Amino acid sequence: MSKIAIISAILENPKECQMQFNEVVASFRGNTKGRMGIPLDEEISVVSIVVTGS
């Protein structure tokens, strides 16, 4: 049976770390079911990722 979890991340200066963050998330694409990003302002974004696992 699969388990479902939500991982949240707060990115400070998202323009600077966005590519590296996306690479890490992409490395788990088999377990990642969806993601949502919310830019709060120029300096902070919040990302929630839905994952599944055993």
C-alpha atoms as a PDB file:
ATOM      1  CA  MET A   1       0.000   0.000   0.000  1.00  0.00           C
ATOM      2  CA  SER A   2       1.333   3.469  -0.869  1.00  0.00           C
ATOM      3  CA  LYS A   3       1.720   6.220   1.670  1.00  0.00           C
ATOM      4  CA  ILE A   4       1.060   9.859   0.781  1.00  0.00           C
ATOM      5  CA  ALA A   5       3.014  12.785   2.222  1.00  0.00           C
ATOM      6  CA  ILE A   6       3.391  16.507   1.639  1.00  0.00           C
ATOM      7  CA  ILE A   7       6.806  18.129   1.762  1.00  0.00           C
ATOM      8  CA  SER A   8       6.968  21.897   2.093  1.00  0.00           C
ATOM      9  CA  ALA A   9       9.958  24.099   1.397  1.00  0.00           C
ATOM     10  CA  ILE A  10      10.599  27.784   1.920  1.00  0.00           C
ATOM     11  CA  LEU A  11      12.977  29.214  -0.657  1.00  0.00           C
ATOM     12  CA  GLU A  12      14.823  32.386   0.257  1.00  0.00           C
ATOM     13  CA  ASN A  13      16.025  34.299  -2.808  1.00  0.00           C
ATOM     14  CA  PRO A  14      14.228  31.853  -5.128  1.00  0.00           C
ATOM     15  CA  LYS A  15      15.767  33.300  -8.290  1.00  0.00           C
ATOM     16  CA  GLU A  16      19.185  32.211  -7.021  1.00  0.00           C
ATOM     17  CA  CYS A  17      18.295  28.685  -5.845  1.00  0.00           C
ATOM     18  CA  GLN A  18      15.406  27.724  -8.142  1.00  0.00           C
ATOM     19  CA  MET A  19      17.466  25.686 -10.635  1.00  0.00           C
ATOM     20  CA  GLN A  20      19.203  23.665  -7.917  1.00  0.00           C
ATOM     21  CA  PHE A  21      15.899  23.082  -6.087  1.00  0.00           C
ATOM     22  CA  ASN A  22      14.231  21.885  -9.312  1.00  0.00           C
ATOM     23  CA  GLU A  23      17.095  19.452  -9.955  1.00  0.00           C
ATOM     24  CA  VAL A  24      16.652  17.904  -6.504  1.00  0.00           C
ATOM     25  CA  VAL A  25      12.880  17.596  -6.941  1.00  0.00           C
ATOM     26  CA  ALA A  26      13.335  16.109 -10.438  1.00  0.00           C
ATOM     27  CA  SER A  27      15.595  13.399  -9.024  1.00  0.00           C
ATOM     28  CA  PHE A  28      12.516  12.096  -7.139  1.00  0.00           C
ATOM     29  CA  ARG A  29      10.118  12.348 -10.099  1.00  0.00           C
ATOM     30  CA  GLY A  30       9.012   8.719  -9.710  1.00  0.00           C
ATOM     31  CA  ASN A  31       7.592   9.523  -6.276  1.00  0.00           C
ATOM     32  CA  THR A  32       6.463  13.098  -6.943  1.00  0.00           C
ATOM     33  CA  LYS A  33       2.778  13.392  -7.827  1.00  0.00           C
ATOM     34  CA  GLY A  34       2.387  17.163  -7.886  1.00  0.00           C
ATOM     35  CA  ARG A  35       3.759  20.453  -6.695  1.00  0.00           C
ATOM     36  CA  MET A  36       2.534  23.959  -6.060  1.00  0.00           C
ATOM     37  CA  GLY A  37       4.655  27.063  -5.664  1.00  0.00           C
ATOM     38  CA  ILE A  38       3.499  30.342  -4.169  1.00  0.00           C
ATOM     39  CA  PRO A  39       5.708  33.418  -4.564  1.00  0.00           C
ATOM     40  CA  LEU A  40       5.199  35.553  -1.454  1.00  0.00           C
ATOM     41  CA  ASP A  41       7.471  38.347  -2.611  1.00  0.00           C
ATOM     42  CA  GLU A  42      10.766  38.802  -4.445  1.00  0.00           C
ATOM     43  CA  GLU A  43      12.720  37.179  -1.603  1.00  0.00           C
ATOM     44  CA  ILE A  44      10.565  34.220  -0.487  1.00  0.00           C
ATOM     45  CA  SER A  45       8.591  31.444  -2.197  1.00  0.00           C
ATOM     46  CA  VAL A  46       6.775  28.525  -0.600  1.00  0.00           C
ATOM     47  CA  VAL A  47       6.630  25.161  -2.410  1.00  0.00           C
ATOM     48  CA  SER A  48       4.484  22.154  -1.460  1.00  0.00           C
ATOM     49  CA  ILE A  49       5.183  18.771  -3.053  1.00  0.00           C
ATOM     50  CA  VAL A  50       2.914  15.711  -2.880  1.00  0.00           C
ATOM     51  CA  VAL A  51       4.887  12.443  -2.807  1.00  0.00           C
ATOM     52  CA  THR A  52       4.067   8.762  -2.506  1.00  0.00           C
ATOM     53  CA  GLY A  53       6.127   5.904  -1.158  1.00  0.00           C
ATOM     54  CA  SER A  54       5.910   2.483   0.442  1.00  0.00           C
END
